[in-house]
Amino acid sequence: MAKLLHSEDVIFEPILTEASWAKMEERKYSFRVALNANKVQIKKAVEDLFKVKVEKVWTANMKGKPRRERLNQLHGRTSRWHKAIVRLAPGDRINVMGG
């Protein structure tokens, strides 16, 4: 059984890129979510936090990118993370700017 997560623990932040802004016209919103969150938990969290109806949820595991520190050439990676894209019901919107 999946670990019980609160809505605030599932959704971390919206992803605001040029591509995600274009998808908002299609009622699709992107979020950075907890690594262990599943689609059901993500749907419930978005509906609870933003008071909207979610039609569909897509998820993706994002790999960490290789990084290196400039002066001493230490190699490493950024953290892996989980992305969710949700499509809202017609007429629903989320104000991602918080204003």
Protein backbone atom coordinates (compact mmCIF):
# COMPACT_ATOMS: atom_id res chain seq x y z
CA MET A 1 0.00 0.00 0.00
CA ALA A 2 1.25 3.48 -0.88
CA LYS A 3 2.36 5.79 1.91
CA LEU A 4 -0.27 8.37 2.89
CA LEU A 5 0.85 11.84 1.80
CA HIS A 6 -0.83 15.18 2.47
CA SER A 7 -1.62 17.40 -0.53
CA GLU A 8 1.11 19.87 0.46
CA ASP A 9 3.65 17.01 0.52
CA VAL A 10 2.75 15.81 -3.00
CA ILE A 11 2.88 19.06 -5.04
CA PHE A 12 6.11 21.04 -4.64
CA GLU A 13 5.88 23.81 -7.25
CA PRO A 14 4.51 24.59 -10.71
CA ILE A 15 6.91 24.27 -13.65
CA LEU A 16 6.93 27.60 -15.48
CA THR A 17 8.72 27.28 -18.81
CA GLU A 18 7.84 28.54 -22.25
CA ALA A 19 6.53 25.10 -23.21
CA SER A 20 4.43 24.80 -20.05
CA TRP A 21 2.89 28.25 -20.62
CA ALA A 22 1.84 27.13 -24.11
CA LYS A 23 0.21 23.97 -22.68
CA MET A 24 -1.83 26.05 -20.23
CA GLU A 25 -4.00 27.16 -23.15
CA GLU A 26 -4.96 23.46 -23.52
CA ARG A 27 -5.80 23.31 -19.76
CA LYS A 28 -2.58 21.33 -19.05
CA TYR A 29 -0.48 22.34 -16.04
CA SER A 30 2.96 20.99 -15.06
CA PHE A 31 4.14 20.45 -11.49
CA ARG A 32 7.22 19.17 -9.70
CA VAL A 33 5.92 16.43 -7.40
CA ALA A 34 7.20 14.00 -4.75
CA LEU A 35 9.23 11.07 -6.08
CA ASN A 36 6.96 8.50 -4.42
CA ALA A 37 3.64 10.12 -5.45
CA ASN A 38 1.38 8.16 -7.79
CA LYS A 39 -1.24 9.47 -10.25
CA VAL A 40 -4.14 9.04 -7.83
CA GLN A 41 -2.34 11.01 -5.11
CA ILE A 42 -1.35 13.75 -7.58
CA LYS A 43 -4.93 14.08 -8.86
CA LYS A 44 -6.33 14.33 -5.32
CA ALA A 45 -3.66 16.86 -4.27
CA VAL A 46 -4.31 19.19 -7.25
CA GLU A 47 -8.07 18.99 -6.70
CA ASP A 48 -7.67 19.73 -2.96
CA LEU A 49 -5.14 22.56 -3.28
CA PHE A 50 -6.61 24.41 -6.26
CA LYS A 51 -10.34 23.48 -6.01
CA VAL A 52 -10.51 22.25 -9.64
CA LYS A 53 -11.54 19.02 -11.39
CA VAL A 54 -8.69 16.97 -12.92
CA GLU A 55 -9.48 14.90 -16.05
CA LYS A 56 -6.13 13.17 -16.64
CA VAL A 57 -2.65 12.90 -15.13
CA TRP A 58 0.63 12.12 -16.90
CA THR A 59 3.84 11.51 -14.94
CA ALA A 60 7.52 11.32 -15.84
CA ASN A 61 10.68 10.51 -13.92
CA MET A 62 13.30 13.12 -14.77
CA LYS A 63 16.94 12.02 -14.60
CA GLY A 64 19.54 14.21 -12.93
CA LYS A 65 21.87 16.05 -15.30
CA PRO A 66 25.64 15.74 -15.09
CA ARG A 67 27.31 18.77 -13.52
CA ARG A 68 30.85 19.78 -12.77
CA GLU A 69 32.32 22.45 -10.57
CA ARG A 70 34.39 24.80 -12.67
CA LEU A 71 37.62 25.34 -10.73
CA ASN A 72 38.47 21.94 -9.33
CA GLN A 73 36.59 19.82 -11.89
CA LEU A 74 34.54 17.87 -9.35
CA HIS A 75 31.98 15.74 -11.15
CA GLY A 76 28.48 15.03 -9.94
CA ARG A 77 24.82 15.06 -10.88
CA THR A 78 21.76 17.12 -10.06
CA SER A 79 18.99 15.31 -8.20
CA ARG A 80 16.45 13.20 -10.04
CA TRP A 81 12.86 14.42 -9.77
CA HIS A 82 9.27 13.56 -10.68
CA LYS A 83 7.13 15.66 -13.04
CA ALA A 84 3.35 15.57 -13.39
CA ILE A 85 1.18 17.14 -16.09
CA VAL A 86 -2.51 17.42 -15.28
CA ARG A 87 -5.38 18.28 -17.65
CA LEU A 88 -8.25 20.13 -16.03
CA ALA A 89 -11.95 19.88 -16.81
CA PRO A 90 -13.33 22.51 -19.24
CA GLY A 91 -13.86 25.85 -17.50
CA ASP A 92 -11.32 25.22 -14.70
CA ARG A 93 -8.12 27.29 -14.42
CA ILE A 94 -5.22 27.56 -11.99
CA ASN A 95 -3.59 30.92 -11.31
CA VAL A 96 0.05 29.76 -11.17
CA MET A 97 1.39 33.25 -10.42
CA GLY A 98 -0.43 33.25 -7.08
CA GLY A 99 -1.98 36.69 -7.54
